[in-house]
Amino acid sequence: MTRRSLARVTCTVLVSLALGACLTVGRDFPTGDVGKIAIGKTTRDDVHRMFGTPWRTGLEDGRRTWTYGHYRYKLFGTTETTDLVVRFDPNGVVTSYTFNAAPPLEGSL
């Protein structure tokens, strides 16, 4: 293979990789179950049954939080993200939650 041919192949491969480049972080989760969360009723065990093991855990204002997130960043095209943050009281009952999606999911506000 000549240098010129090698350069063309290398350039073609690099352009193909750049056009298809994307980065995925987190784990997919069943977004359709978000509406089943009931503040003051749903427990940590319920949330685990609905969504599985959280991608991240932490504390917010002293309250345990679980985060479910799936983020797909694209060099070209629309970035797709969904995340759910669930906050629990000391007894393991949901006190609040936040759900976001971009682009917005069909049928959402």
C-alpha atoms as a PDB file:
ATOM      1  CA  MET A   1       0.000   0.000   0.000  1.00  0.00           C
ATOM      2  CA  THR A   2       1.390   3.369  -0.967  1.00  0.00           C
ATOM      3  CA  ARG A   3       1.646   6.279   1.423  1.00  0.00           C
ATOM      4  CA  ARG A   4      -1.083   8.093  -0.439  1.00  0.00           C
ATOM      5  CA  SER A   5      -3.457   5.104  -0.166  1.00  0.00           C
ATOM      6  CA  LEU A   6      -2.631   4.689   3.517  1.00  0.00           C
ATOM      7  CA  ALA A   7      -3.325   8.381   4.115  1.00  0.00           C
ATOM      8  CA  ARG A   8      -6.700   8.126   2.376  1.00  0.00           C
ATOM      9  CA  VAL A   9      -7.692   5.037   4.356  1.00  0.00           C
ATOM     10  CA  THR A  10      -6.590   6.668   7.616  1.00  0.00           C
ATOM     11  CA  CYS A  11      -8.488   9.856   6.795  1.00  0.00           C
ATOM     12  CA  THR A  12     -11.628   7.891   5.886  1.00  0.00           C
ATOM     13  CA  VAL A  13     -11.481   5.929   9.129  1.00  0.00           C
ATOM     14  CA  LEU A  14     -10.981   9.090  11.230  1.00  0.00           C
ATOM     15  CA  VAL A  15     -13.859  10.916   9.530  1.00  0.00           C
ATOM     16  CA  SER A  16     -16.136   7.878   9.999  1.00  0.00           C
ATOM     17  CA  LEU A  17     -15.262   7.696  13.694  1.00  0.00           C
ATOM     18  CA  ALA A  18     -15.870  11.425  14.188  1.00  0.00           C
ATOM     19  CA  LEU A  19     -19.259  11.316  12.473  1.00  0.00           C
ATOM     20  CA  GLY A  20     -20.436   8.391  14.564  1.00  0.00           C
ATOM     21  CA  ALA A  21     -18.823   9.551  17.792  1.00  0.00           C
ATOM     22  CA  CYS A  22     -20.925   9.465  20.909  1.00  0.00           C
ATOM     23  CA  LEU A  23     -20.383   8.986  24.623  1.00  0.00           C
ATOM     24  CA  THR A  24     -22.811   7.086  26.842  1.00  0.00           C
ATOM     25  CA  VAL A  25     -22.768   7.473  30.616  1.00  0.00           C
ATOM     26  CA  GLY A  26     -25.013   5.815  33.205  1.00  0.00           C
ATOM     27  CA  ARG A  27     -27.545   3.038  32.686  1.00  0.00           C
ATOM     28  CA  ASP A  28     -30.882   2.888  30.933  1.00  0.00           C
ATOM     29  CA  PHE A  29     -33.914   2.565  33.241  1.00  0.00           C
ATOM     30  CA  PRO A  30     -37.683   2.125  32.713  1.00  0.00           C
ATOM     31  CA  THR A  31     -38.883   5.734  32.466  1.00  0.00           C
ATOM     32  CA  GLY A  32     -42.500   4.588  32.119  1.00  0.00           C
ATOM     33  CA  ASP A  33     -42.541   3.658  35.814  1.00  0.00           C
ATOM     34  CA  VAL A  34     -41.714   7.163  37.091  1.00  0.00           C
ATOM     35  CA  GLY A  35     -45.416   8.007  37.427  1.00  0.00           C
ATOM     36  CA  LYS A  36     -45.838   5.113  39.866  1.00  0.00           C
ATOM     37  CA  ILE A  37     -43.740   6.851  42.541  1.00  0.00           C
ATOM     38  CA  ALA A  38     -46.001   8.125  45.336  1.00  0.00           C
ATOM     39  CA  ILE A  39     -44.484  10.698  47.702  1.00  0.00           C
ATOM     40  CA  GLY A  40     -44.940   9.598  51.297  1.00  0.00           C
ATOM     41  CA  LYS A  41     -45.841   6.017  50.292  1.00  0.00           C
ATOM     42  CA  THR A  42     -43.261   4.509  47.948  1.00  0.00           C
ATOM     43  CA  THR A  43     -40.365   2.890  49.814  1.00  0.00           C
ATOM     44  CA  ARG A  44     -36.717   2.380  48.934  1.00  0.00           C
ATOM     45  CA  ASP A  45     -37.519  -1.313  48.269  1.00  0.00           C
ATOM     46  CA  ASP A  46     -40.328  -0.278  45.890  1.00  0.00           C
ATOM     47  CA  VAL A  47     -37.990   2.054  43.994  1.00  0.00           C
ATOM     48  CA  HIS A  48     -35.381  -0.702  43.755  1.00  0.00           C
ATOM     49  CA  ARG A  49     -38.011  -3.102  42.383  1.00  0.00           C
ATOM     50  CA  MET A  50     -39.154  -0.539  39.780  1.00  0.00           C
ATOM     51  CA  PHE A  51     -35.780   0.757  38.602  1.00  0.00           C
ATOM     52  CA  GLY A  52     -33.081  -1.623  39.859  1.00  0.00           C
ATOM     53  CA  THR A  53     -29.811  -0.614  41.473  1.00  0.00           C
ATOM     54  CA  PRO A  54     -29.220   3.153  41.290  1.00  0.00           C
ATOM     55  CA  TRP A  55     -26.416   4.453  39.121  1.00  0.00           C
ATOM     56  CA  ARG A  56     -25.311   6.843  41.899  1.00  0.00           C
ATOM     57  CA  THR A  57     -26.189   7.333  45.546  1.00  0.00           C
ATOM     58  CA  GLY A  58     -25.585  10.306  47.781  1.00  0.00           C
ATOM     59  CA  LEU A  59     -26.919  12.819  50.276  1.00  0.00           C
ATOM     60  CA  GLU A  60     -28.833  16.047  49.731  1.00  0.00           C
ATOM     61  CA  ASP A  61     -29.556  18.181  52.790  1.00  0.00           C
ATOM     62  CA  GLY A  62     -28.913  15.091  54.903  1.00  0.00           C
ATOM     63  CA  ARG A  63     -31.417  12.946  52.974  1.00  0.00           C
ATOM     64  CA  ARG A  64     -30.379   9.776  51.148  1.00  0.00           C
ATOM     65  CA  THR A  65     -30.661  10.143  47.359  1.00  0.00           C
ATOM     66  CA  TRP A  66     -30.639   7.625  44.544  1.00  0.00           C
ATOM     67  CA  THR A  67     -29.925   8.697  40.989  1.00  0.00           C
ATOM     68  CA  TYR A  68     -30.857   6.815  37.863  1.00  0.00           C
ATOM     69  CA  GLY A  69     -29.390   8.345  34.737  1.00  0.00           C
ATOM     70  CA  HIS A  70     -28.725   7.595  31.117  1.00  0.00           C
ATOM     71  CA  TYR A  71     -26.845  10.217  29.141  1.00  0.00           C
ATOM     72  CA  ARG A  72     -25.952   9.789  25.482  1.00  0.00           C
ATOM     73  CA  TYR A  73     -23.880  12.672  24.156  1.00  0.00           C
ATOM     74  CA  LYS A  74     -23.380  12.912  20.396  1.00  0.00           C
ATOM     75  CA  LEU A  75     -20.854  14.897  18.427  1.00  0.00           C
ATOM     76  CA  PHE A  76     -23.462  15.347  15.718  1.00  0.00           C
ATOM     77  CA  GLY A  77     -27.197  15.000  16.281  1.00  0.00           C
ATOM     78  CA  THR A  78     -29.402  15.355  19.308  1.00  0.00           C
ATOM     79  CA  THR A  79     -28.038  14.505  22.739  1.00  0.00           C
ATOM     80  CA  GLU A  80     -30.411  12.203  24.635  1.00  0.00           C
ATOM     81  CA  THR A  81     -30.585  12.288  28.430  1.00  0.00           C
ATOM     82  CA  THR A  82     -32.902  10.942  31.104  1.00  0.00           C
ATOM     83  CA  ASP A  83     -32.366  11.209  34.821  1.00  0.00           C
ATOM     84  CA  LEU A  84     -34.331  10.486  37.961  1.00  0.00           C
ATOM     85  CA  VAL A  85     -33.252  11.624  41.424  1.00  0.00           C
ATOM     86  CA  VAL A  86     -35.222  10.112  44.320  1.00  0.00           C
ATOM     87  CA  ARG A  87     -34.945  11.500  47.881  1.00  0.00           C
ATOM     88  CA  PHE A  88     -35.799   9.373  50.928  1.00  0.00           C
ATOM     89  CA  ASP A  89     -36.602  10.175  54.560  1.00  0.00           C
ATOM     90  CA  PRO A  90     -34.740   8.378  57.407  1.00  0.00           C
ATOM     91  CA  ASN A  91     -37.343   5.563  57.235  1.00  0.00           C
ATOM     92  CA  GLY A  92     -36.655   4.916  53.543  1.00  0.00           C
ATOM     93  CA  VAL A  93     -39.862   6.491  52.216  1.00  0.00           C
ATOM     94  CA  VAL A  94     -39.801   8.816  49.181  1.00  0.00           C
ATOM     95  CA  THR A  95     -39.989  12.498  50.164  1.00  0.00           C
ATOM     96  CA  SER A  96     -39.535  13.908  46.642  1.00  0.00           C
ATOM     97  CA  TYR A  97     -38.181  13.097  43.224  1.00  0.00           C
ATOM     98  CA  THR A  98     -37.090  14.871  40.064  1.00  0.00           C
ATOM     99  CA  PHE A  99     -37.327  13.433  36.548  1.00  0.00           C
ATOM    100  CA  ASN A 100     -35.900  15.089  33.432  1.00  0.00           C
ATOM    101  CA  ALA A 101     -35.596  14.048  29.790  1.00  0.00           C
ATOM    102  CA  ALA A 102     -34.062  15.707  26.758  1.00  0.00           C
ATOM    103  CA  PRO A 103     -35.428  15.753  24.210  1.00  0.00           C
ATOM    104  CA  PRO A 104     -38.770  15.667  26.072  1.00  0.00           C
ATOM    105  CA  LEU A 105     -40.456  12.275  26.079  1.00  0.00           C
ATOM    106  CA  GLU A 106     -43.677  11.933  24.101  1.00  0.00           C
ATOM    107  CA  GLY A 107     -46.661  12.772  26.292  1.00  0.00           C
ATOM    108  CA  SER A 108     -44.595  14.634  28.901  1.00  0.00           C
ATOM    109  CA  LEU A 109     -45.181  18.231  30.028  1.00  0.00           C
END
